[in-house]
Amino acid sequence: MQIDQQSPEWYRARYNQLRDRALGEERAERSGQGFIAMEDAAVLHRETVPGGWYWSTFVPRGQALRLINTAGNKGVSVMLWNADDLSERFNAGDTLKLQWTTRLSTGRVLFSDMGRVLASIINDTCGTSDTIMGGSTPSSNARNFGNAALRNTSNNMRLIAGKHGLDVRDVPACISFFSHVSVGADGGLSWVDGSVQPGGVVDLRAEMNLLVGISNCPHPFSPDTSFAPGPIDVVRWQAPAPAADDLCRTFCEEAQRGFENTDPLFA
């Protein structure tokens, strides 16, 4: 369909179609159906990231990174760069608008600023993430905890970037998993409590060779009144090769086009 034929009704129907499919997949995920198991033999590396701290790693295409919210922290922030060309990185705006939603969970993908797919969300037992607010900052810590000197995601990501020869210009807005932020009818943002539980799991399958930065700091909207994030566990593992009907690769036409832009790089 030509863009001048896409009426408001067309956009509304398109949004509702993708929303209904996402809700169906989320119900299946919560019931245990469709969850991609991580076999012990597939585990390549394990890491524990203390509360407030950060970690970075390289994840080759085809491997996956499992985030385990061991302590039930309200927010774990992730940033992705193309390891073969660090000037290409995660783009929050494109990721949202190309998939018609602010709620990224199982079946969705994370787009780069070049229209390619950096990673796919193949498992998400929490079902909530935030790609609008970005991570915590000194000012958000001052507001929430009364101390701007506490560790925060903005500074953590800058430290990660510096260790890999990048600078502040290479650190755009990240995605925060285990964060339930709701967008109201008036466009306002608010935290929804009750979704984040200890032991929640998110698996990101690398669709490109990735540099991944992780910051274990509370989300800026976290209702916690004291700064006490617990440790998280991170596992790098060999994911099964995607099947022809792989959910992330077939969820919507926009994702399919993203893979068409990505796969030729590795042909």
Protein backbone atom coordinates (compact mmCIF):
# COMPACT_ATOMS: atom_id res chain seq x y z
CA MET A 1 0.00 0.00 0.00
CA GLN A 2 1.25 3.48 -0.87
CA ILE A 3 1.84 5.81 2.07
CA ASP A 4 -0.80 8.28 0.82
CA GLN A 5 -3.38 5.49 1.07
CA GLN A 6 -2.65 4.79 4.74
CA SER A 7 -5.58 6.46 6.48
CA PRO A 8 -6.01 6.87 10.26
CA GLU A 9 -8.31 3.83 10.14
CA TRP A 10 -5.55 1.80 8.45
CA TYR A 11 -3.06 2.77 11.15
CA ARG A 12 -5.55 1.94 13.89
CA ALA A 13 -6.29 -1.49 12.41
CA ARG A 14 -2.57 -2.17 11.98
CA TYR A 15 -1.85 -1.26 15.58
CA ASN A 16 -4.72 -3.41 16.90
CA GLN A 17 -3.58 -6.38 14.81
CA LEU A 18 -0.06 -6.29 16.23
CA ARG A 19 -1.30 -5.58 19.76
CA ASP A 20 -3.60 -8.61 19.72
CA ARG A 21 -0.84 -10.87 18.48
CA ALA A 22 1.55 -9.58 21.13
CA LEU A 23 -1.00 -10.23 23.87
CA GLY A 24 -1.51 -13.77 22.63
CA GLU A 25 2.21 -14.46 22.58
CA GLU A 26 2.59 -12.98 26.06
CA ARG A 27 -0.10 -15.30 27.44
CA ALA A 28 1.68 -18.28 25.86
CA GLU A 29 5.00 -17.15 27.33
CA ARG A 30 3.56 -16.81 30.82
CA SER A 31 2.02 -20.28 30.61
CA GLY A 32 5.37 -21.75 29.63
CA GLN A 33 4.45 -22.43 26.01
CA GLY A 34 6.97 -21.20 23.51
CA PHE A 35 9.71 -20.55 26.08
CA ILE A 36 13.08 -21.35 24.50
CA ALA A 37 15.00 -23.49 26.96
CA MET A 38 18.67 -22.91 27.73
CA GLU A 39 20.38 -26.30 27.94
CA ASP A 40 23.35 -26.67 30.30
CA ALA A 41 25.59 -27.68 27.41
CA ALA A 42 24.77 -24.41 25.63
CA VAL A 43 26.12 -22.20 28.44
CA LEU A 44 29.31 -20.37 27.44
CA HIS A 45 29.84 -17.87 30.27
CA ARG A 46 28.22 -16.74 33.51
CA GLU A 47 28.63 -13.41 35.27
CA THR A 48 27.17 -11.75 38.36
CA VAL A 49 26.73 -7.97 38.17
CA PRO A 50 26.49 -6.39 41.65
CA GLY A 51 23.81 -3.85 42.39
CA GLY A 52 24.72 -0.42 41.02
CA TRP A 53 27.49 -1.71 38.81
CA TYR A 54 27.95 -2.43 35.12
CA TRP A 55 29.38 -5.04 32.78
CA SER A 56 30.05 -5.34 29.07
CA THR A 57 30.63 -8.29 26.79
CA PHE A 58 30.84 -9.27 23.14
CA VAL A 59 28.09 -11.55 21.87
CA PRO A 60 28.58 -13.09 18.40
CA ARG A 61 25.63 -13.46 16.03
CA GLY A 62 23.58 -16.53 16.95
CA GLN A 63 24.47 -16.51 20.63
CA ALA A 64 22.11 -15.19 23.29
CA LEU A 65 22.45 -13.22 26.50
CA ARG A 66 20.19 -14.18 29.39
CA LEU A 67 19.45 -11.55 32.03
CA ILE A 68 18.26 -13.11 35.30
CA ASN A 69 16.68 -10.62 37.69
CA THR A 70 17.83 -12.59 40.69
CA ALA A 71 16.81 -10.05 43.33
CA GLY A 72 13.76 -8.62 41.59
CA ASN A 73 15.38 -5.26 40.81
CA LYS A 74 13.13 -2.65 39.27
CA GLY A 75 15.15 -2.04 36.15
CA VAL A 76 18.18 -3.44 34.32
CA SER A 77 19.41 -1.23 31.47
CA VAL A 78 20.96 -2.54 28.25
CA MET A 79 22.77 -0.82 25.38
CA LEU A 80 23.77 -2.49 22.11
CA TRP A 81 26.43 -1.60 19.54
CA ASN A 82 27.38 -3.35 16.31
CA ALA A 83 30.72 -4.89 17.30
CA ASP A 84 31.95 -4.76 13.69
CA ASP A 85 31.21 -1.03 13.39
CA LEU A 86 30.66 0.70 16.72
CA SER A 87 29.18 3.75 15.01
CA GLU A 88 26.00 1.68 14.54
CA ARG A 89 24.00 1.33 17.73
CA PHE A 90 20.58 0.75 19.26
CA ASN A 91 17.95 3.30 18.27
CA ALA A 92 15.06 3.53 20.71
CA GLY A 93 12.85 5.71 18.50
CA ASP A 94 13.07 3.47 15.44
CA THR A 95 12.60 0.35 17.56
CA LEU A 96 9.29 1.69 18.89
CA LYS A 97 7.81 3.29 15.79
CA LEU A 98 8.72 0.41 13.45
CA GLN A 99 6.92 -2.05 15.74
CA TRP A 100 3.94 0.12 16.64
CA THR A 101 4.39 -0.21 20.38
CA THR A 102 6.18 1.14 23.44
CA ARG A 103 6.02 -2.27 25.08
CA LEU A 104 8.80 -4.56 23.94
CA SER A 105 8.67 -8.20 24.98
CA THR A 106 8.90 -11.69 23.48
CA GLY A 107 8.78 -11.61 19.69
CA ARG A 108 9.99 -8.05 19.30
CA VAL A 109 13.38 -6.94 18.00
CA LEU A 110 15.82 -4.13 18.75
CA PHE A 111 16.65 -2.00 15.73
CA SER A 112 19.84 -0.07 15.03
CA ASP A 113 20.01 3.43 13.62
CA MET A 114 20.75 1.81 10.24
CA GLY A 115 17.44 -0.05 10.03
CA ARG A 116 19.01 -3.39 10.89
CA VAL A 117 18.15 -5.83 13.66
CA LEU A 118 20.72 -5.92 16.43
CA ALA A 119 18.95 -8.44 18.67
CA SER A 120 15.70 -10.35 19.13
CA ILE A 121 13.82 -10.80 22.41
CA ILE A 122 13.29 -14.56 22.34
CA ASN A 123 12.18 -14.94 25.97
CA ASP A 124 10.73 -12.49 28.48
CA THR A 125 8.99 -13.85 31.56
CA CYS A 126 8.42 -10.35 32.97
CA GLY A 127 6.74 -8.98 29.85
CA THR A 128 7.54 -5.35 30.56
CA SER A 129 10.31 -3.00 29.49
CA ASP A 130 10.83 0.72 28.99
CA THR A 131 12.38 2.37 25.94
CA ILE A 132 11.17 5.92 26.54
CA MET A 133 12.68 7.13 29.81
CA GLY A 134 16.24 5.86 29.39
CA GLY A 135 18.36 4.89 32.38
CA SER A 136 18.97 6.61 35.70
CA THR A 137 21.06 9.77 36.01
CA PRO A 138 22.61 11.75 38.87
CA SER A 139 19.55 14.01 38.86
CA SER A 140 17.11 11.10 39.03
CA ASN A 141 19.08 9.63 41.95
CA ALA A 142 19.01 13.00 43.70
CA ARG A 143 15.25 13.15 43.21
CA ASN A 144 14.53 9.55 44.20
CA PHE A 145 17.16 8.86 46.86
CA GLY A 146 18.46 12.27 47.88
CA ASN A 147 21.98 11.57 46.65
CA ALA A 148 23.26 12.50 43.18
CA ALA A 149 26.57 10.73 43.86
CA LEU A 150 25.02 7.26 43.79
CA ARG A 151 25.88 5.01 40.87
CA ASN A 152 23.62 5.49 37.86
CA THR A 153 23.07 4.12 34.37
CA SER A 154 24.08 7.27 32.51
CA ASN A 155 27.57 7.23 34.04
CA ASN A 156 27.83 3.43 33.85
CA MET A 157 27.17 3.46 30.11
CA ARG A 158 29.71 6.25 29.61
CA LEU A 159 32.30 4.16 31.45
CA ILE A 160 31.51 1.18 29.22
CA ALA A 161 31.80 3.35 26.12
CA GLY A 162 35.15 4.75 27.24
CA LYS A 163 36.60 1.29 27.74
CA HIS A 164 35.85 0.51 24.11
CA GLY A 165 37.18 3.72 22.59
CA LEU A 166 33.83 5.51 22.43
CA ASP A 167 32.64 8.72 24.07
CA VAL A 168 29.45 10.32 25.32
CA ARG A 169 28.21 10.91 21.77
CA ASP A 170 28.12 7.15 21.27
CA VAL A 171 25.71 6.52 24.16
CA PRO A 172 22.09 7.17 23.14
CA ALA A 173 19.02 6.20 25.15
CA CYS A 174 19.09 2.58 26.28
CA ILE A 175 16.34 0.04 26.95
CA SER A 176 15.44 -0.91 30.53
CA PHE A 177 14.12 -4.43 31.11
CA PHE A 178 12.10 -5.44 34.18
CA SER A 179 10.55 -1.97 34.09
CA HIS A 180 6.80 -1.48 33.76
CA VAL A 181 6.18 2.08 32.62
CA SER A 182 2.70 2.91 31.35
CA VAL A 183 1.86 5.63 28.83
CA GLY A 184 -1.43 7.33 29.68
CA ALA A 185 -3.99 8.76 27.28
CA ASP A 186 -2.54 12.21 27.95
CA GLY A 187 0.98 11.03 27.09
CA GLY A 188 2.11 11.01 30.71
CA LEU A 189 4.34 8.24 32.03
CA SER A 190 3.88 6.34 35.27
CA TRP A 191 5.26 3.25 36.97
CA VAL A 192 3.01 0.20 37.27
CA ASP A 193 3.94 -1.90 40.28
CA GLY A 194 3.51 -5.65 40.65
CA SER A 195 4.96 -6.93 37.36
CA VAL A 196 8.59 -7.29 38.42
CA GLN A 197 9.37 -10.41 40.44
CA PRO A 198 12.61 -12.08 41.57
CA GLY A 199 13.93 -14.59 39.06
CA GLY A 200 12.53 -12.91 35.94
CA VAL A 201 14.32 -13.81 32.71
CA VAL A 202 15.00 -11.96 29.44
CA ASP A 203 16.90 -13.59 26.57
CA LEU A 204 18.37 -11.45 23.79
CA ARG A 205 19.52 -13.36 20.70
CA ALA A 206 22.26 -11.54 18.81
CA GLU A 207 21.35 -10.98 15.15
CA MET A 208 24.63 -9.14 14.57
CA ASN A 209 27.99 -9.36 16.32
CA LEU A 210 27.31 -7.22 19.37
CA LEU A 211 28.98 -5.22 22.06
CA VAL A 212 26.49 -5.25 24.95
CA GLY A 213 26.57 -2.89 27.91
CA ILE A 214 24.54 -3.67 31.05
CA SER A 215 23.84 -1.34 33.96
CA ASN A 216 22.31 -2.77 37.13
CA CYS A 217 20.71 0.40 38.51
CA PRO A 218 17.07 1.16 39.41
CA HIS A 219 14.83 2.68 36.77
CA PRO A 220 14.26 6.45 37.22
CA PHE A 221 10.58 5.75 37.97
CA SER A 222 11.28 2.92 40.43
CA PRO A 223 9.08 3.30 43.52
CA ASP A 224 11.94 2.18 45.79
CA THR A 225 12.74 4.78 48.42
CA SER A 226 16.24 3.50 49.17
CA PHE A 227 19.07 2.69 46.76
CA ALA A 228 19.63 -1.02 47.33
CA PRO A 229 19.61 -2.96 44.04
CA GLY A 230 20.62 -6.59 44.40
CA PRO A 231 22.88 -8.54 42.04
CA ILE A 232 21.74 -9.86 38.68
CA ASP A 233 23.06 -12.90 36.85
CA VAL A 234 23.98 -12.82 33.17
CA VAL A 235 24.52 -15.92 31.04
CA ARG A 236 25.90 -16.02 27.50
CA TRP A 237 24.72 -19.12 25.70
CA GLN A 238 24.39 -20.68 22.26
CA ALA A 239 20.81 -20.15 21.14
CA PRO A 240 19.09 -22.59 18.78
CA ALA A 241 19.15 -21.51 15.16
CA PRO A 242 15.90 -19.69 14.29
CA ALA A 243 13.34 -21.80 12.43
CA ALA A 244 11.50 -20.65 9.32
CA ASP A 245 8.54 -19.58 11.50
CA ASP A 246 10.70 -17.93 14.17
CA LEU A 247 8.45 -15.51 16.07
CA CYS A 248 10.86 -12.58 16.06
CA ARG A 249 11.57 -12.91 12.35
CA THR A 250 7.92 -13.16 11.37
CA PHE A 251 6.11 -11.04 13.95
CA CYS A 252 5.47 -8.13 11.59
CA GLU A 253 6.41 -6.87 8.14
CA GLU A 254 8.65 -4.21 9.63
CA ALA A 255 10.75 -6.81 11.45
CA GLN A 256 10.99 -8.91 8.30
CA ARG A 257 12.38 -5.92 6.42
CA GLY A 258 14.87 -5.35 9.23
CA PHE A 259 16.18 -8.89 8.82
CA GLU A 260 16.34 -8.40 5.05
CA ASN A 261 18.70 -5.50 5.75
CA THR A 262 20.72 -7.51 8.28
CA ASP A 263 21.15 -11.04 6.95
CA PRO A 264 23.12 -10.14 3.78
CA LEU A 265 25.95 -8.89 5.98
CA PHE A 266 26.48 -12.48 7.14
CA ALA A 267 25.66 -14.38 3.94
